PDB file of N, CA and C in Angstrom:
ATOM      1  N   MET A   1     157.355 132.851 -64.690  1.00  0.00           N
ATOM      2  CA  MET A   1     158.437 132.420 -65.551  1.00  0.00           C
ATOM      3  C   MET A   1     158.220 132.971 -66.954  1.00  0.00           C
ATOM      4  N   ARG A   2     159.251 133.442 -67.572  1.00  0.00           N
ATOM      5  CA  ARG A   2     159.146 133.895 -68.952  1.00  0.00           C
ATOM      6  C   ARG A   2     158.850 132.689 -69.835  1.00  0.00           C
ATOM      7  N   ALA A   3     158.166 132.925 -70.936  1.00  0.00           N
ATOM      8  CA  ALA A   3     157.722 131.823 -71.799  1.00  0.00           C
ATOM      9  C   ALA A   3     158.859 130.911 -72.248  1.00  0.00           C
ATOM     10  N   PRO A   4     159.987 131.420 -72.791  1.00  0.00           N
ATOM     11  CA  PRO A   4     161.048 130.498 -73.224  1.00  0.00           C
ATOM     12  C   PRO A   4     161.622 129.683 -72.064  1.00  0.00           C
ATOM     13  N   VAL A   5     161.762 130.320 -70.905  1.00  0.00           N
ATOM     14  CA  VAL A   5     162.305 129.604 -69.749  1.00  0.00           C
ATOM     15  C   VAL A   5     161.330 128.512 -69.320  1.00  0.00           C
ATOM     16  N   ARG A   6     160.042 128.848 -69.336  1.00  0.00           N
ATOM     17  CA  ARG A   6     159.020 127.866 -68.949  1.00  0.00           C
ATOM     18  C   ARG A   6     159.033 126.682 -69.909  1.00  0.00           C
ATOM     19  N   GLU A   7     159.157 126.951 -71.202  1.00  0.00           N
ATOM     20  CA  GLU A   7     159.166 125.867 -72.192  1.00  0.00           C
ATOM     21  C   GLU A   7     160.394 124.971 -72.019  1.00  0.00           C
ATOM     22  N   ILE A   8     161.525 125.567 -71.739  1.00  0.00           N
ATOM     23  CA  ILE A   8     162.740 124.779 -71.509  1.00  0.00           C
ATOM     24  C   ILE A   8     162.571 123.926 -70.258  1.00  0.00           C
ATOM     25  N   PHE A   9     161.999 124.519 -69.206  1.00  0.00           N
ATOM     26  CA  PHE A   9     161.757 123.782 -67.971  1.00  0.00           C
ATOM     27  C   PHE A   9     160.807 122.613 -68.217  1.00  0.00           C
ATOM     28  N   LEU A  10     159.714 122.866 -68.937  1.00  0.00           N
ATOM     29  CA  LEU A  10     158.749 121.800 -69.223  1.00  0.00           C
ATOM     30  C   LEU A  10     159.379 120.697 -70.065  1.00  0.00           C
ATOM     31  N   ALA A  11     160.201 121.084 -71.028  1.00  0.00           N
ATOM     32  CA  ALA A  11     160.881 120.073 -71.852  1.00  0.00           C
ATOM     33  C   ALA A  11     161.791 119.215 -70.982  1.00  0.00           C
ATOM     34  N   PHE A  12     162.492 119.843 -70.035  1.00  0.00           N
ATOM     35  CA  PHE A  12     163.355 119.105 -69.116  1.00  0.00           C
ATOM     36  C   PHE A  12     162.540 118.132 -68.271  1.00  0.00           C
ATOM     37  N   VAL A  13     161.397 118.583 -67.759  1.00  0.00           N
ATOM     38  CA  VAL A  13     160.537 117.722 -66.933  1.00  0.00           C
ATOM     39  C   VAL A  13     160.041 116.537 -67.753  1.00  0.00           C
ATOM     40  N   ILE A  14     159.633 116.787 -68.973  1.00  0.00           N
ATOM     41  CA  ILE A  14     159.129 115.713 -69.838  1.00  0.00           C
ATOM     42  C   ILE A  14     160.235 114.705 -70.129  1.00  0.00           C
ATOM     43  N   LEU A  15     161.429 115.200 -70.409  1.00  0.00           N
ATOM     44  CA  LEU A  15     162.544 114.287 -70.658  1.00  0.00           C
ATOM     45  C   LEU A  15     162.878 113.469 -69.415  1.00  0.00           C
ATOM     46  N   ALA A  16     162.810 114.094 -68.237  1.00  0.00           N
ATOM     47  CA  ALA A  16     163.098 113.377 -66.996  1.00  0.00           C
ATOM     48  C   ALA A  16     162.061 112.284 -66.757  1.00  0.00           C
ATOM     49  N   ILE A  17     160.812 112.594 -67.025  1.00  0.00           N
ATOM     50  CA  ILE A  17     159.742 111.604 -66.853  1.00  0.00           C
ATOM     51  C   ILE A  17     159.933 110.454 -67.837  1.00  0.00           C
ATOM     52  N   ALA A  18     160.227 110.798 -69.075  1.00  0.00           N
ATOM     53  CA  ALA A  18     160.420 109.759 -70.089  1.00  0.00           C
ATOM     54  C   ALA A  18     161.618 108.880 -69.739  1.00  0.00           C
ATOM     55  N   ALA A  19     162.688 109.486 -69.254  1.00  0.00           N
ATOM     56  CA  ALA A  19     163.870 108.708 -68.876  1.00  0.00           C
ATOM     57  C   ALA A  19     163.544 107.766 -67.728  1.00  0.00           C
ATOM     58  N   ARG A  20     162.796 108.251 -66.758  1.00  0.00           N
ATOM     59  CA  ARG A  20     162.429 107.402 -65.625  1.00  0.00           C
ATOM     60  C   ARG A  20     161.496 106.287 -66.076  1.00  0.00           C
ATOM     61  N   ALA A  21     160.547 106.627 -66.950  1.00  0.00           N
ATOM     62  CA  ALA A  21     159.593 105.620 -67.428  1.00  0.00           C
ATOM     63  C   ALA A  21     160.298 104.525 -68.214  1.00  0.00           C
ATOM     64  N   ASN A  22     161.355 104.878 -68.947  1.00  0.00           N
ATOM     65  CA  ASN A  22     162.083 103.898 -69.753  1.00  0.00           C
ATOM     66  C   ASN A  22     163.222 103.236 -69.002  1.00  0.00           C
ATOM     67  N   SER A  23     163.412 103.588 -67.760  1.00  0.00           N
ATOM     68  CA  SER A  23     164.518 103.051 -66.980  1.00  0.00           C
ATOM     69  C   SER A  23     164.337 101.553 -66.771  1.00  0.00           C
ATOM     70  N   THR A  24     165.447 100.826 -66.878  1.00  0.00           N
ATOM     71  CA  THR A  24     165.393  99.383 -66.634  1.00  0.00           C
ATOM     72  C   THR A  24     165.842  99.055 -65.215  1.00  0.00           C
ATOM     73  N   GLU A  25     166.176 100.084 -64.437  1.00  0.00           N
ATOM     74  CA  GLU A  25     166.584  99.854 -63.059  1.00  0.00           C
ATOM     75  C   GLU A  25     165.390  99.359 -62.257  1.00  0.00           C
ATOM     76  N   PRO A  26     165.617  98.413 -61.352  1.00  0.00           N
ATOM     77  CA  PRO A  26     164.503  97.967 -60.522  1.00  0.00           C
ATOM     78  C   PRO A  26     164.065  99.083 -59.595  1.00  0.00           C
ATOM     79  N   LYS A  27     162.769  99.178 -59.412  1.00  0.00           N
ATOM     80  CA  LYS A  27     162.222 100.180 -58.506  1.00  0.00           C
ATOM     81  C   LYS A  27     162.258  99.602 -57.094  1.00  0.00           C
ATOM     82  N   THR A  28     162.995 100.234 -56.220  1.00  0.00           N
ATOM     83  CA  THR A  28     163.095  99.746 -54.856  1.00  0.00           C
ATOM     84  C   THR A  28     162.365 100.689 -53.920  1.00  0.00           C
ATOM     85  N   GLY A  29     161.749 100.134 -52.925  1.00  0.00           N
ATOM     86  CA  GLY A  29     161.066 100.958 -51.936  1.00  0.00           C
ATOM     87  C   GLY A  29     159.743 101.466 -52.467  1.00  0.00           C
ATOM     88  N   PHE A  30     159.043 102.097 -51.567  1.00  0.00           N
ATOM     89  CA  PHE A  30     157.737 102.627 -51.918  1.00  0.00           C
ATOM     90  C   PHE A  30     157.768 104.136 -51.816  1.00  0.00           C
ATOM     91  N   GLY A  31     156.832 104.771 -52.438  1.00  0.00           N
ATOM     92  CA  GLY A  31     156.738 106.209 -52.376  1.00  0.00           C
ATOM     93  C   GLY A  31     156.043 106.733 -53.604  1.00  0.00           C
ATOM     94  N   PHE A  32     155.695 107.962 -53.542  1.00  0.00           N
ATOM     95  CA  PHE A  32     154.946 108.579 -54.629  1.00  0.00           C
ATOM     96  C   PHE A  32     155.889 109.030 -55.720  1.00  0.00           C
ATOM     97  N   GLY A  33     155.625 108.605 -56.933  1.00  0.00           N
ATOM     98  CA  GLY A  33     156.374 109.074 -58.097  1.00  0.00           C
ATOM     99  C   GLY A  33     155.608 110.235 -58.700  1.00  0.00           C
ATOM    100  N   PHE A  34     156.085 111.443 -58.499  1.00  0.00           N
ATOM    101  CA  PHE A  34     155.348 112.638 -58.900  1.00  0.00           C
ATOM    102  C   PHE A  34     155.106 112.665 -60.400  1.00  0.00           C
ATOM    103  N   CYS A  35     153.870 112.885 -60.784  1.00  0.00           N
ATOM    104  CA  CYS A  35     153.474 113.001 -62.186  1.00  0.00           C
ATOM    105  C   CYS A  35     152.936 114.411 -62.414  1.00  0.00           C
ATOM    106  N   PRO A  36     153.768 115.309 -62.936  1.00  0.00           N
ATOM    107  CA  PRO A  36     153.295 116.684 -63.139  1.00  0.00           C
ATOM    108  C   PRO A  36     152.359 116.783 -64.342  1.00  0.00           C
ATOM    109  N   ALA A  37     151.205 117.366 -64.127  1.00  0.00           N
ATOM    110  CA  ALA A  37     150.266 117.573 -65.225  1.00  0.00           C
ATOM    111  C   ALA A  37     150.803 118.672 -66.134  1.00  0.00           C
ATOM    112  N   PRO A  38     150.820 118.440 -67.438  1.00  0.00           N
ATOM    113  CA  PRO A  38     151.353 119.468 -68.340  1.00  0.00           C
ATOM    114  C   PRO A  38     150.356 120.620 -68.490  1.00  0.00           C
ATOM    115  N   PRO A  39     150.852 121.842 -68.442  1.00  0.00           N
ATOM    116  CA  PRO A  39     149.948 122.979 -68.658  1.00  0.00           C
ATOM    117  C   PRO A  39     149.688 123.161 -70.153  1.00  0.00           C
ATOM    118  N   PRO A  40     148.457 123.478 -70.520  1.00  0.00           N
ATOM    119  CA  PRO A  40     148.186 123.698 -71.940  1.00  0.00           C
ATOM    120  C   PRO A  40     148.904 124.961 -72.420  1.00  0.00           C
ATOM    121  N   PRO A  41     149.212 125.023 -73.702  1.00  0.00           N
ATOM    122  CA  PRO A  41     149.911 126.197 -74.211  1.00  0.00           C
ATOM    123  C   PRO A  41     149.013 127.435 -74.161  1.00  0.00           C
ATOM    124  N   ALA A  42     149.564 128.523 -73.685  1.00  0.00           N
ATOM    125  CA  ALA A  42     148.817 129.775 -73.551  1.00  0.00           C
ATOM    126  C   ALA A  42     148.458 130.380 -74.899  1.00  0.00           C
ATOM    127  N   CYS A  43     149.209 130.015 -75.909  1.00  0.00           N
ATOM    128  CA  CYS A  43     148.976 130.620 -77.224  1.00  0.00           C
ATOM    129  C   CYS A  43     147.594 130.291 -77.783  1.00  0.00           C
ATOM    130  N   VAL A  44     146.961 129.241 -77.295  1.00  0.00           N
ATOM    131  CA  VAL A  44     145.636 128.855 -77.791  1.00  0.00           C
ATOM    132  C   VAL A  44     144.617 129.964 -77.518  1.00  0.00           C
ATOM    133  N   ASP A  45     144.826 130.733 -76.468  1.00  0.00           N
ATOM    134  CA  ASP A  45     143.921 131.827 -76.118  1.00  0.00           C
ATOM    135  C   ASP A  45     144.320 133.152 -76.767  1.00  0.00           C
ATOM    136  N   ASP A  46     145.382 133.139 -77.546  1.00  0.00           N
ATOM    137  CA  ASP A  46     145.876 134.357 -78.188  1.00  0.00           C
ATOM    138  C   ASP A  46     145.270 134.480 -79.588  1.00  0.00           C
ATOM    139  N   VAL A  47     144.620 135.610 -79.858  1.00  0.00           N
ATOM    140  CA  VAL A  47     143.987 135.843 -81.155  1.00  0.00           C
ATOM    141  C   VAL A  47     144.999 135.757 -82.298  1.00  0.00           C
ATOM    142  N   LYS A  48     146.236 136.185 -82.034  1.00  0.00           N
ATOM    143  CA  LYS A  48     147.273 136.187 -83.074  1.00  0.00           C
ATOM    144  C   LYS A  48     147.640 134.773 -83.529  1.00  0.00           C
ATOM    145  N   ALA A  49     147.351 133.783 -82.703  1.00  0.00           N
ATOM    146  CA  ALA A  49     147.729 132.400 -83.032  1.00  0.00           C
ATOM    147  C   ALA A  49     146.920 131.839 -84.186  1.00  0.00           C
ATOM    148  N   TYR A  50     145.824 132.509 -84.542  1.00  0.00           N
ATOM    149  CA  TYR A  50     144.948 131.973 -85.573  1.00  0.00           C
ATOM    150  C   TYR A  50     145.114 132.679 -86.920  1.00  0.00           C
ATOM    151  N   ALA A  51     146.045 133.612 -86.976  1.00  0.00           N
ATOM    152  CA  ALA A  51     146.353 134.268 -88.243  1.00  0.00           C
ATOM    153  C   ALA A  51     147.548 133.561 -88.859  1.00  0.00           C
ATOM    154  N   ASP A  52     147.576 133.486 -90.157  1.00  0.00           N
ATOM    155  CA  ASP A  52     148.723 132.858 -90.817  1.00  0.00           C
ATOM    156  C   ASP A  52     150.006 133.568 -90.429  1.00  0.00           C
ATOM    157  N   GLY A  53     151.058 132.800 -90.321  1.00  0.00           N
ATOM    158  CA  GLY A  53     152.341 133.419 -90.036  1.00  0.00           C
ATOM    159  C   GLY A  53     153.132 132.651 -88.995  1.00  0.00           C
ATOM    160  N   PRO A  54     154.242 133.233 -88.559  1.00  0.00           N
ATOM    161  CA  PRO A  54     155.131 132.543 -87.619  1.00  0.00           C
ATOM    162  C   PRO A  54     154.493 132.301 -86.248  1.00  0.00           C
ATOM    163  N   VAL A  55     153.577 133.183 -85.834  1.00  0.00           N
ATOM    164  CA  VAL A  55     152.928 132.998 -84.524  1.00  0.00           C
ATOM    165  C   VAL A  55     152.052 131.747 -84.554  1.00  0.00           C
ATOM    166  N   MET A  56     151.337 131.556 -85.645  1.00  0.00           N
ATOM    167  CA  MET A  56     150.492 130.363 -85.783  1.00  0.00           C
ATOM    168  C   MET A  56     151.348 129.097 -85.824  1.00  0.00           C
ATOM    169  N   LYS A  57     152.421 129.147 -86.578  1.00  0.00           N
ATOM    170  CA  LYS A  57     153.303 127.978 -86.697  1.00  0.00           C
ATOM    171  C   LYS A  57     153.915 127.640 -85.331  1.00  0.00           C
ATOM    172  N   ASP A  58     154.338 128.660 -84.598  1.00  0.00           N
ATOM    173  CA  ASP A  58     154.897 128.461 -83.261  1.00  0.00           C
ATOM    174  C   ASP A  58     153.851 127.841 -82.321  1.00  0.00           C
ATOM    175  N   CYS A  59     152.628 128.329 -82.414  1.00  0.00           N
ATOM    176  CA  CYS A  59     151.564 127.779 -81.557  1.00  0.00           C
ATOM    177  C   CYS A  59     151.257 126.328 -81.925  1.00  0.00           C
ATOM    178  N   GLN A  60     151.273 126.012 -83.204  1.00  0.00           N
ATOM    179  CA  GLN A  60     151.048 124.627 -83.635  1.00  0.00           C
ATOM    180  C   GLN A  60     152.107 123.698 -83.036  1.00  0.00           C
ATOM    181  N   GLU A  61     153.351 124.155 -83.021  1.00  0.00           N
ATOM    182  CA  GLU A  61     154.426 123.350 -82.429  1.00  0.00           C
ATOM    183  C   GLU A  61     154.214 123.172 -80.929  1.00  0.00           C
ATOM    184  N   LYS A  62     153.780 124.238 -80.255  1.00  0.00           N
ATOM    185  CA  LYS A  62     153.520 124.154 -78.814  1.00  0.00           C
ATOM    186  C   LYS A  62     152.370 123.192 -78.519  1.00  0.00           C
ATOM    187  N   VAL A  63     151.341 123.238 -79.361  1.00  0.00           N
ATOM    188  CA  VAL A  63     150.206 122.321 -79.180  1.00  0.00           C
ATOM    189  C   VAL A  63     150.671 120.877 -79.397  1.00  0.00           C
ATOM    190  N   SER A  64     151.510 120.643 -80.377  1.00  0.00           N
ATOM    191  CA  SER A  64     152.034 119.291 -80.623  1.00  0.00           C
ATOM    192  C   SER A  64     152.857 118.806 -79.433  1.00  0.00           C
ATOM    193  N   ARG A  65     153.693 119.679 -78.889  1.00  0.00           N
ATOM    194  CA  ARG A  65     154.486 119.296 -77.708  1.00  0.00           C
ATOM    195  C   ARG A  65     153.571 119.019 -76.513  1.00  0.00           C
ATOM    196  N   TYR A  66     152.515 119.816 -76.401  1.00  0.00           N
ATOM    197  CA  TYR A  66     151.556 119.615 -75.309  1.00  0.00           C
ATOM    198  C   TYR A  66     150.888 118.237 -75.424  1.00  0.00           C
ATOM    199  N   VAL A  67     150.452 117.896 -76.612  1.00  0.00           N
ATOM    200  CA  VAL A  67     149.810 116.582 -76.823  1.00  0.00           C
ATOM    201  C   VAL A  67     150.778 115.463 -76.458  1.00  0.00           C
ATOM    202  N   ALA A  68     152.039 115.583 -76.878  1.00  0.00           N
ATOM    203  CA  ALA A  68     153.034 114.562 -76.536  1.00  0.00           C
ATOM    204  C   ALA A  68     153.246 114.498 -75.026  1.00  0.00           C
ATOM    205  N   SER A  69     153.246 115.649 -74.364  1.00  0.00           N
ATOM    206  CA  SER A  69     153.458 115.651 -72.913  1.00  0.00           C
ATOM    207  C   SER A  69     152.264 115.056 -72.179  1.00  0.00           C
ATOM    208  N   VAL A  70     151.076 115.186 -72.749  1.00  0.00           N
ATOM    209  CA  VAL A  70     149.897 114.564 -72.124  1.00  0.00           C
ATOM    210  C   VAL A  70     150.015 113.047 -72.182  1.00  0.00           C
ATOM    211  N   PHE A  71     150.541 112.518 -73.275  1.00  0.00           N
ATOM    212  CA  PHE A  71     150.742 111.067 -73.358  1.00  0.00           C
ATOM    213  C   PHE A  71     151.780 110.606 -72.336  1.00  0.00           C
ATOM    214  N   ALA A  72     152.842 111.381 -72.168  1.00  0.00           N
ATOM    215  CA  ALA A  72     153.841 111.050 -71.138  1.00  0.00           C
ATOM    216  C   ALA A  72     153.217 111.130 -69.747  1.00  0.00           C
ATOM    217  N   TYR A  73     152.363 112.095 -69.528  1.00  0.00           N
ATOM    218  CA  TYR A  73     151.670 112.257 -68.249  1.00  0.00           C
ATOM    219  C   TYR A  73     150.766 111.052 -67.967  1.00  0.00           C
ATOM    220  N   ARG A  74     150.035 110.622 -68.975  1.00  0.00           N
ATOM    221  CA  ARG A  74     149.163 109.445 -68.809  1.00  0.00           C
ATOM    222  C   ARG A  74     149.978 108.203 -68.471  1.00  0.00           C
ATOM    223  N   THR A  75     151.125 108.029 -69.114  1.00  0.00           N
ATOM    224  CA  THR A  75     152.000 106.898 -68.817  1.00  0.00           C
ATOM    225  C   THR A  75     152.482 106.964 -67.372  1.00  0.00           C
ATOM    226  N   CYS A  76     152.868 108.148 -66.941  1.00  0.00           N
ATOM    227  CA  CYS A  76     153.327 108.335 -65.562  1.00  0.00           C
ATOM    228  C   CYS A  76     152.210 107.988 -64.578  1.00  0.00           C
ATOM    229  N   LEU A  77     150.999 108.456 -64.846  1.00  0.00           N
ATOM    230  CA  LEU A  77     149.869 108.153 -63.957  1.00  0.00           C
ATOM    231  C   LEU A  77     149.588 106.654 -63.902  1.00  0.00           C
ATOM    232  N   LEU A  78     149.674 105.990 -65.046  1.00  0.00           N
ATOM    233  CA  LEU A  78     149.449 104.548 -65.085  1.00  0.00           C
ATOM    234  C   LEU A  78     150.482 103.828 -64.227  1.00  0.00           C
ATOM    235  N   ARG A  79     151.750 104.207 -64.380  1.00  0.00           N
ATOM    236  CA  ARG A  79     152.805 103.567 -63.584  1.00  0.00           C
ATOM    237  C   ARG A  79     152.645 103.871 -62.102  1.00  0.00           C
ATOM    238  N   GLU A  80     152.252 105.080 -61.772  1.00  0.00           N
ATOM    239  CA  GLU A  80     152.046 105.437 -60.364  1.00  0.00           C
ATOM    240  C   GLU A  80     150.872 104.655 -59.785  1.00  0.00           C
ATOM    241  N   THR A  81     149.825 104.457 -60.571  1.00  0.00           N
ATOM    242  CA  THR A  81     148.689 103.658 -60.112  1.00  0.00           C
ATOM    243  C   THR A  81     149.123 102.218 -59.860  1.00  0.00           C
ATOM    244  N   GLN A  82     149.892 101.666 -60.780  1.00  0.00           N
ATOM    245  CA  GLN A  82     150.387 100.297 -60.603  1.00  0.00           C
ATOM    246  C   GLN A  82     151.272 100.191 -59.364  1.00  0.00           C
ATOM    247  N   ARG A  83     152.119 101.192 -59.141  1.00  0.00           N
ATOM    248  CA  ARG A  83     152.987 101.196 -57.969  1.00  0.00           C
ATOM    249  C   ARG A  83     152.163 101.269 -56.684  1.00  0.00           C
ATOM    250  N   ALA A  84     151.125 102.108 -56.681  1.00  0.00           N
ATOM    251  CA  ALA A  84     150.291 102.254 -55.489  1.00  0.00           C
ATOM    252  C   ALA A  84     149.534 100.958 -55.185  1.00  0.00           C
ATOM    253  N   VAL A  85     149.044 100.282 -56.218  1.00  0.00           N
ATOM    254  CA  VAL A  85     148.343  99.010 -56.017  1.00  0.00           C
ATOM    255  C   VAL A  85     149.306  97.962 -55.466  1.00  0.00           C
ATOM    256  N   LEU A  86     150.516  97.891 -56.027  1.00  0.00           N
ATOM    257  CA  LEU A  86     151.517  96.943 -55.536  1.00  0.00           C
ATOM    258  C   LEU A  86     151.857  97.231 -54.070  1.00  0.00           C
ATOM    259  N   GLU A  87     152.053  98.496 -53.741  1.00  0.00           N
ATOM    260  CA  GLU A  87     152.368  98.874 -52.359  1.00  0.00           C
ATOM    261  C   GLU A  87     151.233  98.460 -51.424  1.00  0.00           C
ATOM    262  N   THR A  88     150.000  98.696 -51.833  1.00  0.00           N
ATOM    263  CA  THR A  88     148.840  98.339 -51.015  1.00  0.00           C
ATOM    264  C   THR A  88     148.747  96.831 -50.836  1.00  0.00           C
ATOM    265  N   ASN A  89     148.910  96.078 -51.922  1.00  0.00           N
ATOM    266  CA  ASN A  89     148.839  94.624 -51.829  1.00  0.00           C
ATOM    267  C   ASN A  89     149.945  94.056 -50.938  1.00  0.00           C
ATOM    268  N   THR A  90     151.144  94.609 -51.046  1.00  0.00           N
ATOM    269  CA  THR A  90     152.254  94.158 -50.206  1.00  0.00           C
ATOM    270  C   THR A  90     151.965  94.436 -48.741  1.00  0.00           C
ATOM    271  N   MET A  91     151.431  95.617 -48.446  1.00  0.00           N
ATOM    272  CA  MET A  91     151.093  95.956 -47.068  1.00  0.00           C
ATOM    273  C   MET A  91     150.006  95.018 -46.535  1.00  0.00           C
ATOM    274  N   LEU A  92     149.000  94.732 -47.353  1.00  0.00           N
ATOM    275  CA  LEU A  92     147.932  93.820 -46.917  1.00  0.00           C
ATOM    276  C   LEU A  92     148.472  92.414 -46.674  1.00  0.00           C
ATOM    277  N   ASP A  93     149.336  91.936 -47.566  1.00  0.00           N
ATOM    278  CA  ASP A  93     149.936  90.614 -47.384  1.00  0.00           C
ATOM    279  C   ASP A  93     150.780  90.565 -46.106  1.00  0.00           C
ATOM    280  N   ARG A  94     151.538  91.627 -45.852  1.00  0.00           N
ATOM    281  CA  ARG A  94     152.354  91.669 -44.636  1.00  0.00           C
ATOM    282  C   ARG A  94     151.453  91.658 -43.391  1.00  0.00           C
ATOM    283  N   PHE A  95     150.355  92.392 -43.442  1.00  0.00           N
ATOM    284  CA  PHE A  95     149.436  92.428 -42.309  1.00  0.00           C
ATOM    285  C   PHE A  95     148.785  91.061 -42.091  1.00  0.00           C
ATOM    286  N   LYS A  96     148.322  90.428 -43.165  1.00  0.00           N
ATOM    287  CA  LYS A  96     147.708  89.101 -43.048  1.00  0.00           C
ATOM    288  C   LYS A  96     148.707  88.090 -42.506  1.00  0.00           C
ATOM    289  N   CYS A  97     149.945  88.168 -42.971  1.00  0.00           N
ATOM    290  CA  CYS A  97     150.996  87.281 -42.477  1.00  0.00           C
ATOM    291  C   CYS A  97     151.213  87.516 -40.983  1.00  0.00           C
ATOM    292  N   GLY A  98     151.242  88.783 -40.582  1.00  0.00           N
ATOM    293  CA  GLY A  98     151.426  89.123 -39.172  1.00  0.00           C
ATOM    294  C   GLY A  98     150.287  88.610 -38.300  1.00  0.00           C
ATOM    295  N   LEU A  99     149.082  88.651 -38.818  1.00  0.00           N
ATOM    296  CA  LEU A  99     147.939  88.124 -38.066  1.00  0.00           C
ATOM    297  C   LEU A  99     148.091  86.626 -37.817  1.00  0.00           C
ATOM    298  N   ARG A 100     148.567  85.918 -38.834  1.00  0.00           N
ATOM    299  CA  ARG A 100     148.774  84.471 -38.684  1.00  0.00           C
ATOM    300  C   ARG A 100     149.933  84.173 -37.742  1.00  0.00           C
ATOM    301  N   ALA A 101     151.020  84.957 -37.861  1.00  0.00           N
ATOM    302  CA  ALA A 101     152.229  84.690 -37.069  1.00  0.00           C
ATOM    303  C   ALA A 101     152.173  85.338 -35.689  1.00  0.00           C
ATOM    304  N   LYS A 102     151.212  86.245 -35.476  1.00  0.00           N
ATOM    305  CA  LYS A 102     151.064  86.989 -34.214  1.00  0.00           C
ATOM    306  C   LYS A 102     152.273  87.893 -33.944  1.00  0.00           C
ATOM    307  N   ARG A 103     152.911  88.347 -35.041  1.00  0.00           N
ATOM    308  CA  ARG A 103     154.044  89.277 -34.943  1.00  0.00           C
ATOM    309  C   ARG A 103     154.255  89.883 -36.322  1.00  0.00           C
ATOM    310  N   ARG A 104     155.139  90.886 -36.378  1.00  0.00           N
ATOM    311  CA  ARG A 104     155.454  91.483 -37.677  1.00  0.00           C
ATOM    312  C   ARG A 104     156.245  90.470 -38.495  1.00  0.00           C
ATOM    313  N   CYS A 105     155.851  90.263 -39.740  1.00  0.00           N
ATOM    314  CA  CYS A 105     156.505  89.279 -40.595  1.00  0.00           C
ATOM    315  C   CYS A 105     157.751  89.853 -41.255  1.00  0.00           C
ATOM    316  N   SER A 106     158.772  89.026 -41.327  1.00  0.00           N
ATOM    317  CA  SER A 106     159.984  89.392 -42.072  1.00  0.00           C
ATOM    318  C   SER A 106     159.737  89.081 -43.545  1.00  0.00           C
ATOM    319  N   ASP A 107     160.699  89.440 -44.385  1.00  0.00           N
ATOM    320  CA  ASP A 107     160.579  89.122 -45.809  1.00  0.00           C
ATOM    321  C   ASP A 107     160.550  87.608 -46.028  1.00  0.00           C
ATOM    322  N   ASP A 108     161.341  86.856 -45.227  1.00  0.00           N
ATOM    323  CA  ASP A 108     161.324  85.392 -45.335  1.00  0.00           C
ATOM    324  C   ASP A 108     159.959  84.841 -44.943  1.00  0.00           C
ATOM    325  N   ASP A 109     159.375  85.397 -43.881  1.00  0.00           N
ATOM    326  CA  ASP A 109     158.030  84.984 -43.476  1.00  0.00           C
ATOM    327  C   ASP A 109     157.030  85.245 -44.603  1.00  0.00           C
ATOM    328  N   MET A 110     157.202  86.378 -45.260  1.00  0.00           N
ATOM    329  CA  MET A 110     156.292  86.738 -46.347  1.00  0.00           C
ATOM    330  C   MET A 110     156.380  85.716 -47.484  1.00  0.00           C
ATOM    331  N   LEU A 111     157.604  85.292 -47.819  1.00  0.00           N
ATOM    332  CA  LEU A 111     157.761  84.282 -48.867  1.00  0.00           C
ATOM    333  C   LEU A 111     157.093  82.974 -48.464  1.00  0.00           C
ATOM    334  N   GLN A 112     157.308  82.582 -47.223  1.00  0.00           N
ATOM    335  CA  GLN A 112     156.715  81.344 -46.729  1.00  0.00           C
ATOM    336  C   GLN A 112     155.199  81.459 -46.704  1.00  0.00           C
ATOM    337  N   TYR A 113     154.694  82.596 -46.261  1.00  0.00           N
ATOM    338  CA  TYR A 113     153.251  82.820 -46.212  1.00  0.00           C
ATOM    339  C   TYR A 113     152.655  82.782 -47.618  1.00  0.00           C
ATOM    340  N   SER A 114     153.331  83.399 -48.585  1.00  0.00           N
ATOM    341  CA  SER A 114     152.776  83.440 -49.946  1.00  0.00           C
ATOM    342  C   SER A 114     152.738  82.038 -50.556  1.00  0.00           C
ATOM    343  N   ASN A 115     153.693  81.175 -50.198  1.00  0.00           N
ATOM    344  CA  ASN A 115     153.683  79.797 -50.706  1.00  0.00           C
ATOM    345  C   ASN A 115     152.564  78.993 -50.070  1.00  0.00           C
ATOM    346  N   VAL A 116     152.266  79.239 -48.784  1.00  0.00           N
ATOM    347  CA  VAL A 116     151.210  78.522 -48.081  1.00  0.00           C
ATOM    348  C   VAL A 116     149.840  78.999 -48.528  1.00  0.00           C
ATOM    349  N   ALA A 117     149.719  80.307 -48.772  1.00  0.00           N
ATOM    350  CA  ALA A 117     148.421  80.896 -49.089  1.00  0.00           C
ATOM    351  C   ALA A 117     147.901  80.481 -50.476  1.00  0.00           C
ATOM    352  N   ARG A 118     148.761  80.056 -51.356  1.00  0.00           N
ATOM    353  CA  ARG A 118     148.331  79.735 -52.722  1.00  0.00           C
ATOM    354  C   ARG A 118     147.868  78.352 -52.855  1.00  0.00           C
TER     355      ARG A 118
END
């Protein structure tokens, strides 16, 4: 990908992640919420980036965007970890309920089981 196209694509991905992270819609169902790791800016390895001028200023902006995208990435990973733990706990509760009921538990059974188990 050419550099400007890649930067536009990365900005779009970051905005999509931020929009999803700030969404107030309830999360339904289970599944993996992809968290793309941001690539570091290539300009850091460019000798020209360390000389005064527009190339240095451009690289500084790219580094700032990279740092911001890393924070968005960390937030995404945290939410994905929380989602995975919730999914695991729900599956374990359903299995434990099924062991007691000797069949697959419905959602109503799960509510009843959770009230009895506490």
